[in-house]
Amino acid sequence: SNCKNYYMNSHNAMFQLDEIFDLLMASEAYGYQSKAAM
C-alpha cells in the first residue's frame, strides 16, 4: 500500500492483517518508493 506506517498499523489492529498476510508493505517504510521498486 502507498500508505504511512500508522495507517497499516491501525488497520492491523482492527482487522488482524498479520494473521492473513505473510508480509505487510507500507510505502513509508520503503521511503515512499513506487510499488514496483518496493
Full PDB file with SEQRES, HELIX, SHEET, SSBOND, CRYST1, ORIGX, SCALE, CONECT and MASTER records, all heavy atoms in Angstrom:
SEQRES   1 A   38  SER ASN CYS LYS ASN TYR TYR MET ASN SER HIS ASN ALA          
SEQRES   2 A   38  MET PHE GLN LEU ASP GLU ILE PHE ASP LEU LEU MET ALA          
SEQRES   3 A   38  SER GLU ALA TYR GLY TYR GLN SER LYS ALA ALA MET              
HELIX    1 AA1 ASN A    5  PHE A   15  1                                  11    
HELIX    2 AA2 LEU A   17  GLU A   19  5                                   3    
HELIX    3 AA3 SER A   27  TYR A   30  5                                   4    
CRYST1    1.000    1.000    1.000  90.00  90.00  90.00 P 1           1          
ORIGX1      1.000000  0.000000  0.000000        0.00000                         
ORIGX2      0.000000  1.000000  0.000000        0.00000                         
ORIGX3      0.000000  0.000000  1.000000        0.00000                         
SCALE1      1.000000  0.000000  0.000000        0.00000                         
SCALE2      0.000000  1.000000  0.000000        0.00000                         
SCALE3      0.000000  0.000000  1.000000        0.00000                         
ATOM      1  N   SER A   1       0.829  -1.206   0.000  1.00  0.00           N  
ATOM      2  CA  SER A   1       0.000   0.000   0.000  1.00  0.00           C  
ATOM      3  C   SER A   1       0.860   1.252   0.000  1.00  0.00           C  
ATOM      4  O   SER A   1       1.891   1.313   0.669  1.00  0.00           O  
ATOM      5  CB  SER A   1      -0.895   0.002   1.250  1.00  0.00           C  
ATOM      6  OG  SER A   1      -1.656   1.192   1.332  1.00  0.00           O  
ATOM      7  N   ASN A   2       0.398   2.264  -0.727  1.00  0.00           N  
ATOM      8  CA  ASN A   2       1.043   3.589  -0.716  1.00  0.00           C  
ATOM      9  C   ASN A   2       0.580   4.360   0.517  1.00  0.00           C  
ATOM     10  O   ASN A   2      -0.055   5.410   0.415  1.00  0.00           O  
ATOM     11  CB  ASN A   2       0.686   4.369  -1.983  1.00  0.00           C  
ATOM     12  CG  ASN A   2       1.427   3.876  -3.198  1.00  0.00           C  
ATOM     13  OD1 ASN A   2       2.541   3.385  -3.093  1.00  0.00           O  
ATOM     14  ND2 ASN A   2       0.810   4.009  -4.358  1.00  0.00           N  
ATOM     15  N   CYS A   3       0.901   3.850   1.684  1.00  0.00           N  
ATOM     16  CA  CYS A   3       0.377   4.435   2.916  1.00  0.00           C  
ATOM     17  C   CYS A   3       1.494   4.696   3.922  1.00  0.00           C  
ATOM     18  O   CYS A   3       2.626   4.243   3.762  1.00  0.00           O  
ATOM     19  CB  CYS A   3      -0.681   3.518   3.535  1.00  0.00           C  
ATOM     20  SG  CYS A   3      -0.030   1.979   4.228  1.00  0.00           S  
ATOM     21  N   LYS A   4       1.121   5.427   4.968  1.00  0.00           N  
ATOM     22  CA  LYS A   4       2.030   5.645   6.088  1.00  0.00           C  
ATOM     23  C   LYS A   4       2.004   4.438   7.019  1.00  0.00           C  
ATOM     24  O   LYS A   4       1.063   3.643   7.022  1.00  0.00           O  
ATOM     25  CB  LYS A   4       1.634   6.911   6.847  1.00  0.00           C  
ATOM     26  CG  LYS A   4       1.774   8.193   6.038  1.00  0.00           C  
ATOM     27  CD  LYS A   4       1.406   9.408   6.872  1.00  0.00           C  
ATOM     28  CE  LYS A   4       1.601  10.699   6.101  1.00  0.00           C  
ATOM     29  NZ  LYS A   4       1.257  11.901   6.912  1.00  0.00           N  
ATOM     30  N   ASN A   5       3.041   4.344   7.853  1.00  0.00           N  
ATOM     31  CA  ASN A   5       3.139   3.203   8.770  1.00  0.00           C  
ATOM     32  C   ASN A   5       1.971   3.166   9.751  1.00  0.00           C  
ATOM     33  O   ASN A   5       1.426   2.085  10.043  1.00  0.00           O  
ATOM     34  CB  ASN A   5       4.456   3.259   9.544  1.00  0.00           C  
ATOM     35  CG  ASN A   5       5.665   3.047   8.658  1.00  0.00           C  
ATOM     36  OD1 ASN A   5       5.595   2.342   7.652  1.00  0.00           O  
ATOM     37  ND2 ASN A   5       6.784   3.652   9.020  1.00  0.00           N  
ATOM     38  N   TYR A   6       1.568   4.331  10.296  1.00  0.00           N  
ATOM     39  CA  TYR A   6       0.483   4.345  11.279  1.00  0.00           C  
ATOM     40  C   TYR A   6      -0.786   3.746  10.671  1.00  0.00           C  
ATOM     41  O   TYR A   6      -1.584   3.090  11.373  1.00  0.00           O  
ATOM     42  CB  TYR A   6       0.183   5.787  11.751  1.00  0.00           C  
ATOM     43  CG  TYR A   6      -0.831   6.472  10.882  1.00  0.00           C  
ATOM     44  CD1 TYR A   6      -2.201   6.345  11.121  1.00  0.00           C  
ATOM     45  CD2 TYR A   6      -0.438   7.187   9.742  1.00  0.00           C  
ATOM     46  CE1 TYR A   6      -3.133   6.931  10.280  1.00  0.00           C  
ATOM     47  CE2 TYR A   6      -1.366   7.765   8.910  1.00  0.00           C  
ATOM     48  CZ  TYR A   6      -2.704   7.636   9.180  1.00  0.00           C  
ATOM     49  OH  TYR A   6      -3.631   8.188   8.332  1.00  0.00           O  
ATOM     50  N   TYR A   7      -0.995   3.996   9.365  1.00  0.00           N  
ATOM     51  CA  TYR A   7      -2.219   3.550   8.685  1.00  0.00           C  
ATOM     52  C   TYR A   7      -2.247   2.030   8.626  1.00  0.00           C  
ATOM     53  O   TYR A   7      -3.261   1.399   8.957  1.00  0.00           O  
ATOM     54  CB  TYR A   7      -2.244   4.160   7.294  1.00  0.00           C  
ATOM     55  CG  TYR A   7      -3.525   3.975   6.513  1.00  0.00           C  
ATOM     56  CD1 TYR A   7      -4.632   4.783   6.763  1.00  0.00           C  
ATOM     57  CD2 TYR A   7      -3.622   3.031   5.505  1.00  0.00           C  
ATOM     58  CE1 TYR A   7      -5.800   4.648   6.026  1.00  0.00           C  
ATOM     59  CE2 TYR A   7      -4.784   2.881   4.767  1.00  0.00           C  
ATOM     60  CZ  TYR A   7      -5.868   3.686   5.034  1.00  0.00           C  
ATOM     61  OH  TYR A   7      -7.031   3.544   4.306  1.00  0.00           O  
ATOM     62  N   MET A   8      -1.119   1.454   8.232  1.00  0.00           N  
ATOM     63  CA  MET A   8      -1.028  -0.008   8.198  1.00  0.00           C  
ATOM     64  C   MET A   8      -1.198  -0.580   9.602  1.00  0.00           C  
ATOM     65  O   MET A   8      -1.911  -1.570   9.804  1.00  0.00           O  
ATOM     66  CB  MET A   8       0.318  -0.432   7.603  1.00  0.00           C  
ATOM     67  CG  MET A   8       0.459  -1.929   7.393  1.00  0.00           C  
ATOM     68  SD  MET A   8      -0.514  -2.551   5.993  1.00  0.00           S  
ATOM     69  CE  MET A   8       0.536  -2.078   4.604  1.00  0.00           C  
ATOM     70  N   ASN A   9      -0.554   0.046  10.582  1.00  0.00           N  
ATOM     71  CA  ASN A   9      -0.636  -0.459  11.955  1.00  0.00           C  
ATOM     72  C   ASN A   9      -2.050  -0.364  12.512  1.00  0.00           C  
ATOM     73  O   ASN A   9      -2.515  -1.270  13.227  1.00  0.00           O  
ATOM     74  CB  ASN A   9       0.338   0.313  12.852  1.00  0.00           C  
ATOM     75  CG  ASN A   9       1.793   0.058  12.495  1.00  0.00           C  
ATOM     76  OD1 ASN A   9       2.129  -0.963  11.902  1.00  0.00           O  
ATOM     77  ND2 ASN A   9       2.658   0.990  12.842  1.00  0.00           N  
ATOM     78  N   SER A  10      -2.750   0.727  12.203  1.00  0.00           N  
ATOM     79  CA  SER A  10      -4.126   0.897  12.686  1.00  0.00           C  
ATOM     80  C   SER A  10      -5.050  -0.156  12.091  1.00  0.00           C  
ATOM     81  O   SER A  10      -5.879  -0.755  12.795  1.00  0.00           O  
ATOM     82  CB  SER A  10      -4.638   2.303  12.343  1.00  0.00           C  
ATOM     83  OG  SER A  10      -3.864   3.293  12.965  1.00  0.00           O  
ATOM     84  N   HIS A  11      -4.901  -0.385  10.805  1.00  0.00           N  
ATOM     85  CA  HIS A  11      -5.730  -1.415  10.163  1.00  0.00           C  
ATOM     86  C   HIS A  11      -5.358  -2.808  10.656  1.00  0.00           C  
ATOM     87  O   HIS A  11      -6.234  -3.678  10.794  1.00  0.00           O  
ATOM     88  CB  HIS A  11      -5.602  -1.319   8.644  1.00  0.00           C  
ATOM     89  CG  HIS A  11      -6.440  -0.234   8.046  1.00  0.00           C  
ATOM     90  ND1 HIS A  11      -7.765  -0.405   7.708  1.00  0.00           N  
ATOM     91  CD2 HIS A  11      -6.156   1.056   7.748  1.00  0.00           C  
ATOM     92  CE1 HIS A  11      -8.257   0.713   7.223  1.00  0.00           C  
ATOM     93  NE2 HIS A  11      -7.300   1.626   7.234  1.00  0.00           N  
ATOM     94  N   ASN A  12      -4.094  -3.012  10.939  1.00  0.00           N  
ATOM     95  CA  ASN A  12      -3.683  -4.301  11.502  1.00  0.00           C  
ATOM     96  C   ASN A  12      -4.349  -4.516  12.855  1.00  0.00           C  
ATOM     97  O   ASN A  12      -4.819  -5.625  13.160  1.00  0.00           O  
ATOM     98  CB  ASN A  12      -2.156  -4.346  11.637  1.00  0.00           C  
ATOM     99  CG  ASN A  12      -1.650  -5.727  12.001  1.00  0.00           C  
ATOM    100  OD1 ASN A  12      -2.296  -6.743  11.722  1.00  0.00           O  
ATOM    101  ND2 ASN A  12      -0.498  -5.778  12.645  1.00  0.00           N  
ATOM    102  N   ALA A  13      -4.416  -3.473  13.665  1.00  0.00           N  
ATOM    103  CA  ALA A  13      -5.045  -3.581  14.975  1.00  0.00           C  
ATOM    104  C   ALA A  13      -6.529  -3.923  14.868  1.00  0.00           C  
ATOM    105  O   ALA A  13      -7.064  -4.686  15.683  1.00  0.00           O  
ATOM    106  CB  ALA A  13      -4.860  -2.277  15.754  1.00  0.00           C  
ATOM    107  N   MET A  14      -7.195  -3.387  13.855  1.00  0.00           N  
ATOM    108  CA  MET A  14      -8.638  -3.587  13.721  1.00  0.00           C  
ATOM    109  C   MET A  14      -9.006  -4.847  12.956  1.00  0.00           C  
ATOM    110  O   MET A  14     -10.025  -5.487  13.232  1.00  0.00           O  
ATOM    111  CB  MET A  14      -9.257  -2.369  13.022  1.00  0.00           C  
ATOM    112  CG  MET A  14      -9.194  -1.087  13.838  1.00  0.00           C  
ATOM    113  SD  MET A  14      -9.934  -1.231  15.488  1.00  0.00           S  
ATOM    114  CE  MET A  14     -11.656  -1.534  15.072  1.00  0.00           C  
ATOM    115  N   PHE A  15      -8.186  -5.224  11.965  1.00  0.00           N  
ATOM    116  CA  PHE A  15      -8.544  -6.327  11.062  1.00  0.00           C  
ATOM    117  C   PHE A  15      -7.599  -7.521  11.151  1.00  0.00           C  
ATOM    118  O   PHE A  15      -7.759  -8.476  10.391  1.00  0.00           O  
ATOM    119  CB  PHE A  15      -8.587  -5.816   9.617  1.00  0.00           C  
ATOM    120  CG  PHE A  15      -9.663  -4.803   9.355  1.00  0.00           C  
ATOM    121  CD1 PHE A  15      -9.366  -3.451   9.279  1.00  0.00           C  
ATOM    122  CD2 PHE A  15     -10.991  -5.192   9.203  1.00  0.00           C  
ATOM    123  CE1 PHE A  15     -10.347  -2.506   9.029  1.00  0.00           C  
ATOM    124  CE2 PHE A  15     -11.992  -4.258   8.959  1.00  0.00           C  
ATOM    125  CZ  PHE A  15     -11.674  -2.910   8.878  1.00  0.00           C  
ATOM    126  N   GLN A  16      -6.607  -7.458  12.061  1.00  0.00           N  
ATOM    127  CA  GLN A  16      -5.654  -8.555  12.236  1.00  0.00           C  
ATOM    128  C   GLN A  16      -5.020  -8.957  10.891  1.00  0.00           C  
ATOM    129  O   GLN A  16      -5.018 -10.126  10.488  1.00  0.00           O  
ATOM    130  CB  GLN A  16      -6.322  -9.782  12.891  1.00  0.00           C  
ATOM    131  CG  GLN A  16      -6.807  -9.534  14.314  1.00  0.00           C  
ATOM    132  CD  GLN A  16      -8.109  -8.743  14.378  1.00  0.00           C  
ATOM    133  OE1 GLN A  16      -9.090  -9.099  13.723  1.00  0.00           O  
ATOM    134  NE2 GLN A  16      -8.132  -7.673  15.148  1.00  0.00           N  
ATOM    135  N   LEU A  17      -4.493  -7.967  10.212  1.00  0.00           N  
ATOM    136  CA  LEU A  17      -3.896  -8.198   8.894  1.00  0.00           C  
ATOM    137  C   LEU A  17      -2.782  -9.236   8.946  1.00  0.00           C  
ATOM    138  O   LEU A  17      -2.630 -10.042   8.024  1.00  0.00           O  
ATOM    139  CB  LEU A  17      -3.341  -6.882   8.336  1.00  0.00           C  
ATOM    140  CG  LEU A  17      -4.322  -5.731   8.141  1.00  0.00           C  
ATOM    141  CD1 LEU A  17      -3.579  -4.485   7.667  1.00  0.00           C  
ATOM    142  CD2 LEU A  17      -5.415  -6.107   7.156  1.00  0.00           C  
ATOM    143  N   ASP A  18      -1.989  -9.205  10.015  1.00  0.00           N  
ATOM    144  CA  ASP A  18      -0.835 -10.104  10.076  1.00  0.00           C  
ATOM    145  C   ASP A  18      -1.222 -11.561  10.308  1.00  0.00           C  
ATOM    146  O   ASP A  18      -0.372 -12.443  10.232  1.00  0.00           O  
ATOM    147  CB  ASP A  18       0.180  -9.639  11.121  1.00  0.00           C  
ATOM    148  CG  ASP A  18      -0.410  -9.448  12.504  1.00  0.00           C  
ATOM    149  OD1 ASP A  18      -1.608  -9.780  12.702  1.00  0.00           O  
ATOM    150  OD2 ASP A  18       0.322  -8.970  13.396  1.00  0.00           O  
ATOM    151  N   GLU A  19      -2.499 -11.809  10.575  1.00  0.00           N  
ATOM    152  CA  GLU A  19      -2.968 -13.190  10.657  1.00  0.00           C  
ATOM    153  C   GLU A  19      -3.354 -13.732   9.278  1.00  0.00           C  
ATOM    154  O   GLU A  19      -3.536 -14.936   9.107  1.00  0.00           O  
ATOM    155  CB  GLU A  19      -4.165 -13.290  11.598  1.00  0.00           C  
ATOM    156  CG  GLU A  19      -3.816 -12.963  13.054  1.00  0.00           C  
ATOM    157  CD  GLU A  19      -5.011 -13.080  13.979  1.00  0.00           C  
ATOM    158  OE1 GLU A  19      -6.092 -13.530  13.511  1.00  0.00           O  
ATOM    159  OE2 GLU A  19      -4.875 -12.717  15.162  1.00  0.00           O  
ATOM    160  N   ILE A  20      -3.492 -12.829   8.309  1.00  0.00           N  
ATOM    161  CA  ILE A  20      -3.888 -13.211   6.954  1.00  0.00           C  
ATOM    162  C   ILE A  20      -2.718 -13.102   5.987  1.00  0.00           C  
ATOM    163  O   ILE A  20      -2.480 -14.009   5.177  1.00  0.00           O  
ATOM    164  CB  ILE A  20      -5.049 -12.321   6.462  1.00  0.00           C  
ATOM    165  CG1 ILE A  20      -6.285 -12.511   7.350  1.00  0.00           C  
ATOM    166  CG2 ILE A  20      -5.388 -12.622   4.994  1.00  0.00           C  
ATOM    167  CD1 ILE A  20      -7.426 -11.566   7.030  1.00  0.00           C  
ATOM    168  N   PHE A  21      -1.981 -11.999   6.092  1.00  0.00           N  
ATOM    169  CA  PHE A  21      -0.916 -11.712   5.126  1.00  0.00           C  
ATOM    170  C   PHE A  21       0.444 -12.131   5.669  1.00  0.00           C  
ATOM    171  O   PHE A  21       0.743 -11.969   6.856  1.00  0.00           O  
ATOM    172  CB  PHE A  21      -0.904 -10.220   4.782  1.00  0.00           C  
ATOM    173  CG  PHE A  21      -2.131  -9.763   4.056  1.00  0.00           C  
ATOM    174  CD1 PHE A  21      -3.192  -9.201   4.757  1.00  0.00           C  
ATOM    175  CD2 PHE A  21      -2.244  -9.920   2.678  1.00  0.00           C  
ATOM    176  CE1 PHE A  21      -4.336  -8.785   4.091  1.00  0.00           C  
ATOM    177  CE2 PHE A  21      -3.383  -9.508   2.004  1.00  0.00           C  
ATOM    178  CZ  PHE A  21      -4.439  -8.948   2.715  1.00  0.00           C  
ATOM    179  N   ASP A  22       1.267 -12.634   4.762  1.00  0.00           N  
ATOM    180  CA  ASP A  22       2.628 -13.044   5.129  1.00  0.00           C  
ATOM    181  C   ASP A  22       3.564 -11.847   5.251  1.00  0.00           C  
ATOM    182  O   ASP A  22       4.593 -11.932   5.930  1.00  0.00           O  
ATOM    183  CB  ASP A  22       3.168 -14.023   4.079  1.00  0.00           C  
ATOM    184  CG  ASP A  22       2.341 -15.296   4.012  1.00  0.00           C  
ATOM    185  OD1 ASP A  22       2.548 -16.170   4.864  1.00  0.00           O  
ATOM    186  OD2 ASP A  22       1.474 -15.399   3.124  1.00  0.00           O  
ATOM    187  N   LEU A  23       3.225 -10.751   4.598  1.00  0.00           N  
ATOM    188  CA  LEU A  23       4.062  -9.563   4.628  1.00  0.00           C  
ATOM    189  C   LEU A  23       3.169  -8.336   4.456  1.00  0.00           C  
ATOM    190  O   LEU A  23       2.295  -8.318   3.600  1.00  0.00           O  
ATOM    191  CB  LEU A  23       5.110  -9.613   3.511  1.00  0.00           C  
ATOM    192  CG  LEU A  23       6.109  -8.469   3.408  1.00  0.00           C  
ATOM    193  CD1 LEU A  23       6.964  -8.375   4.665  1.00  0.00           C  
ATOM    194  CD2 LEU A  23       7.002  -8.658   2.173  1.00  0.00           C  
ATOM    195  N   LEU A  24       3.411  -7.313   5.291  1.00  0.00           N  
ATOM    196  CA  LEU A  24       2.696  -6.040   5.191  1.00  0.00           C  
ATOM    197  C   LEU A  24       3.689  -4.989   4.725  1.00  0.00           C  
ATOM    198  O   LEU A  24       4.693  -4.734   5.392  1.00  0.00           O  
ATOM    199  CB  LEU A  24       2.117  -5.643   6.547  1.00  0.00           C  
ATOM    200  CG  LEU A  24       1.183  -6.649   7.232  1.00  0.00           C  
ATOM    201  CD1 LEU A  24       0.760  -6.142   8.610  1.00  0.00           C  
ATOM    202  CD2 LEU A  24      -0.043  -6.933   6.369  1.00  0.00           C  
ATOM    203  N   MET A  25       3.406  -4.356   3.575  1.00  0.00           N  
ATOM    204  CA  MET A  25       4.335  -3.401   2.978  1.00  0.00           C  
ATOM    205  C   MET A  25       3.676  -2.027   2.879  1.00  0.00           C  
ATOM    206  O   MET A  25       2.795  -1.798   2.047  1.00  0.00           O  
ATOM    207  CB  MET A  25       4.771  -3.884   1.587  1.00  0.00           C  
ATOM    208  CG  MET A  25       5.441  -5.255   1.589  1.00  0.00           C  
ATOM    209  SD  MET A  25       5.928  -5.790  -0.074  1.00  0.00           S  
ATOM    210  CE  MET A  25       7.268  -4.626  -0.424  1.00  0.00           C  
ATOM    211  N   ALA A  26       4.088  -1.112   3.745  1.00  0.00           N  
ATOM    212  CA  ALA A  26       3.626   0.274   3.710  1.00  0.00           C  
ATOM    213  C   ALA A  26       4.703   1.120   3.051  1.00  0.00           C  
ATOM    214  O   ALA A  26       5.881   1.002   3.378  1.00  0.00           O  
ATOM    215  CB  ALA A  26       3.346   0.778   5.124  1.00  0.00           C  
ATOM    216  N   SER A  27       4.308   2.002   2.147  1.00  0.00           N  
ATOM    217  CA  SER A  27       5.317   2.714   1.352  1.00  0.00           C  
ATOM    218  C   SER A  27       6.202   3.622   2.200  1.00  0.00           C  
ATOM    219  O   SER A  27       7.351   3.864   1.843  1.00  0.00           O  
ATOM    220  CB  SER A  27       4.655   3.515   0.227  1.00  0.00           C  
ATOM    221  OG  SER A  27       3.804   4.516   0.744  1.00  0.00           O  
ATOM    222  N   GLU A  28       5.705   4.118   3.343  1.00  0.00           N  
ATOM    223  CA  GLU A  28       6.565   4.935   4.196  1.00  0.00           C  
ATOM    224  C   GLU A  28       7.802   4.163   4.635  1.00  0.00           C  
ATOM    225  O   GLU A  28       8.901   4.715   4.711  1.00  0.00           O  
ATOM    226  CB  GLU A  28       5.802   5.430   5.423  1.00  0.00           C  
ATOM    227  CG  GLU A  28       6.646   6.349   6.305  1.00  0.00           C  
ATOM    228  CD  GLU A  28       5.939   6.840   7.544  1.00  0.00           C  
ATOM    229  OE1 GLU A  28       4.824   6.348   7.847  1.00  0.00           O  
ATOM    230  OE2 GLU A  28       6.496   7.715   8.233  1.00  0.00           O  
ATOM    231  N   ALA A  29       7.631   2.879   4.903  1.00  0.00           N  
ATOM    232  CA  ALA A  29       8.752   2.044   5.331  1.00  0.00           C  
ATOM    233  C   ALA A  29       9.770   1.827   4.219  1.00  0.00           C  
ATOM    234  O   ALA A  29      10.900   1.395   4.480  1.00  0.00           O  
ATOM    235  CB  ALA A  29       8.235   0.696   5.835  1.00  0.00           C  
ATOM    236  N   TYR A  30       9.387   2.135   2.986  1.00  0.00           N  
ATOM    237  CA  TYR A  30      10.267   1.980   1.826  1.00  0.00           C  
ATOM    238  C   TYR A  30      10.605   3.337   1.214  1.00  0.00           C  
ATOM    239  O   TYR A  30      10.935   3.428   0.029  1.00  0.00           O  
ATOM    240  CB  TYR A  30       9.607   1.069   0.789  1.00  0.00           C  
ATOM    241  CG  TYR A  30       9.443  -0.358   1.266  1.00  0.00           C  
ATOM    242  CD1 TYR A  30       8.372  -0.715   2.078  1.00  0.00           C  
ATOM    243  CD2 TYR A  30      10.374  -1.343   0.935  1.00  0.00           C  
ATOM    244  CE1 TYR A  30       8.226  -2.020   2.540  1.00  0.00           C  
ATOM    245  CE2 TYR A  30      10.228  -2.650   1.388  1.00  0.00           C  
ATOM    246  CZ  TYR A  30       9.156  -2.978   2.193  1.00  0.00           C  
ATOM    247  OH  TYR A  30       9.018  -4.282   2.649  1.00  0.00           O  
ATOM    248  N   GLY A  31      10.513   4.395   2.020  1.00  0.00           N  
ATOM    249  CA  GLY A  31      10.860   5.733   1.541  1.00  0.00           C  
ATOM    250  C   GLY A  31       9.929   6.260   0.475  1.00  0.00           C  
ATOM    251  O   GLY A  31      10.335   7.082  -0.357  1.00  0.00           O  
ATOM    252  N   TYR A  32       8.669   5.818   0.498  1.00  0.00           N  
ATOM    253  CA  TYR A  32       7.656   6.233  -0.490  1.00  0.00           C  
ATOM    254  C   TYR A  32       8.110   5.943  -1.920  1.00  0.00           C  
ATOM    255  O   TYR A  32       7.830   6.709  -2.841  1.00  0.00           O  
ATOM    256  CB  TYR A  32       7.283   7.705  -0.332  1.00  0.00           C  
ATOM    257  CG  TYR A  32       6.573   8.001   0.974  1.00  0.00           C  
ATOM    258  CD1 TYR A  32       7.197   8.728   1.982  1.00  0.00           C  
ATOM    259  CD2 TYR A  32       5.280   7.538   1.199  1.00  0.00           C  
ATOM    260  CE1 TYR A  32       6.543   8.989   3.184  1.00  0.00           C  
ATOM    261  CE2 TYR A  32       4.626   7.791   2.398  1.00  0.00           C  
ATOM    262  CZ  TYR A  32       5.261   8.522   3.384  1.00  0.00           C  
ATOM    263  OH  TYR A  32       4.622   8.775   4.574  1.00  0.00           O  
ATOM    264  N   GLN A  33       8.789   4.820  -2.091  1.00  0.00           N  
ATOM    265  CA  GLN A  33       9.142   4.393  -3.444  1.00  0.00           C  
ATOM    266  C   GLN A  33       7.898   3.881  -4.160  1.00  0.00           C  
ATOM    267  O   GLN A  33       6.860   3.621  -3.556  1.00  0.00           O  
ATOM    268  CB  GLN A  33      10.189   3.279  -3.389  1.00  0.00           C  
ATOM    269  CG  GLN A  33      11.518   3.683  -2.789  1.00  0.00           C  
ATOM    270  CD  GLN A  33      12.498   2.533  -2.801  1.00  0.00           C  
ATOM    271  OE1 GLN A  33      13.040   2.170  -3.847  1.00  0.00           O  
ATOM    272  NE2 GLN A  33      12.721   1.952  -1.646  1.00  0.00           N  
ATOM    273  N   SER A  34       8.019   3.702  -5.466  1.00  0.00           N  
ATOM    274  CA  SER A  34       6.917   3.123  -6.235  1.00  0.00           C  
ATOM    275  C   SER A  34       6.697   1.673  -5.803  1.00  0.00           C  
ATOM    276  O   SER A  34       7.583   1.027  -5.222  1.00  0.00           O  
ATOM    277  CB  SER A  34       7.236   3.159  -7.727  1.00  0.00           C  
ATOM    278  OG  SER A  34       8.289   2.244  -8.015  1.00  0.00           O  
ATOM    279  N   LYS A  35       5.517   1.155  -6.113  1.00  0.00           N  
ATOM    280  CA  LYS A  35       5.244  -0.235  -5.762  1.00  0.00           C  
ATOM    281  C   LYS A  35       6.178  -1.184  -6.499  1.00  0.00           C  
ATOM    282  O   LYS A  35       6.607  -2.200  -5.941  1.00  0.00           O  
ATOM    283  CB  LYS A  35       3.777  -0.580  -6.042  1.00  0.00           C  
ATOM    284  CG  LYS A  35       2.823   0.053  -5.034  1.00  0.00           C  
ATOM    285  CD  LYS A  35       1.388  -0.409  -5.231  1.00  0.00           C  
ATOM    286  CE  LYS A  35       0.496   0.182  -4.147  1.00  0.00           C  
ATOM    287  NZ  LYS A  35      -0.918  -0.228  -4.280  1.00  0.00           N  
ATOM    288  N   ALA A  36       6.508  -0.864  -7.737  1.00  0.00           N  
ATOM    289  CA  ALA A  36       7.445  -1.716  -8.484  1.00  0.00           C  
ATOM    290  C   ALA A  36       8.787  -1.788  -7.768  1.00  0.00           C  
ATOM    291  O   ALA A  36       9.396  -2.858  -7.659  1.00  0.00           O  
ATOM    292  CB  ALA A  36       7.619  -1.181  -9.906  1.00  0.00           C  
ATOM    293  N   ALA A  37       9.266  -0.647  -7.255  1.00  0.00           N  
ATOM    294  CA  ALA A  37      10.543  -0.619  -6.533  1.00  0.00           C  
ATOM    295  C   ALA A  37      10.435  -1.353  -5.201  1.00  0.00           C  
ATOM    296  O   ALA A  37      11.387  -2.031  -4.778  1.00  0.00           O  
ATOM    297  CB  ALA A  37      10.985   0.821  -6.322  1.00  0.00           C  
ATOM    298  N   MET A  38       9.296  -1.214  -4.530  1.00  0.00           N  
ATOM    299  CA  MET A  38       9.099  -1.939  -3.266  1.00  0.00           C  
ATOM    300  C   MET A  38       9.152  -3.446  -3.496  1.00  0.00           C  
ATOM    301  O   MET A  38       9.790  -4.184  -2.742  1.00  0.00           O  
ATOM    302  CB  MET A  38       7.751  -1.540  -2.650  1.00  0.00           C  
ATOM    303  CG  MET A  38       7.705  -0.106  -2.138  1.00  0.00           C  
ATOM    304  SD  MET A  38       6.001   0.468  -1.800  1.00  0.00           S  
ATOM    305  CE  MET A  38       5.530  -0.607  -0.429  1.00  0.00           C  
TER     306      MET A  38                                                      
MASTER        0    0    0    3    0    0    0    6  305    1    0    3          
END                                                                             
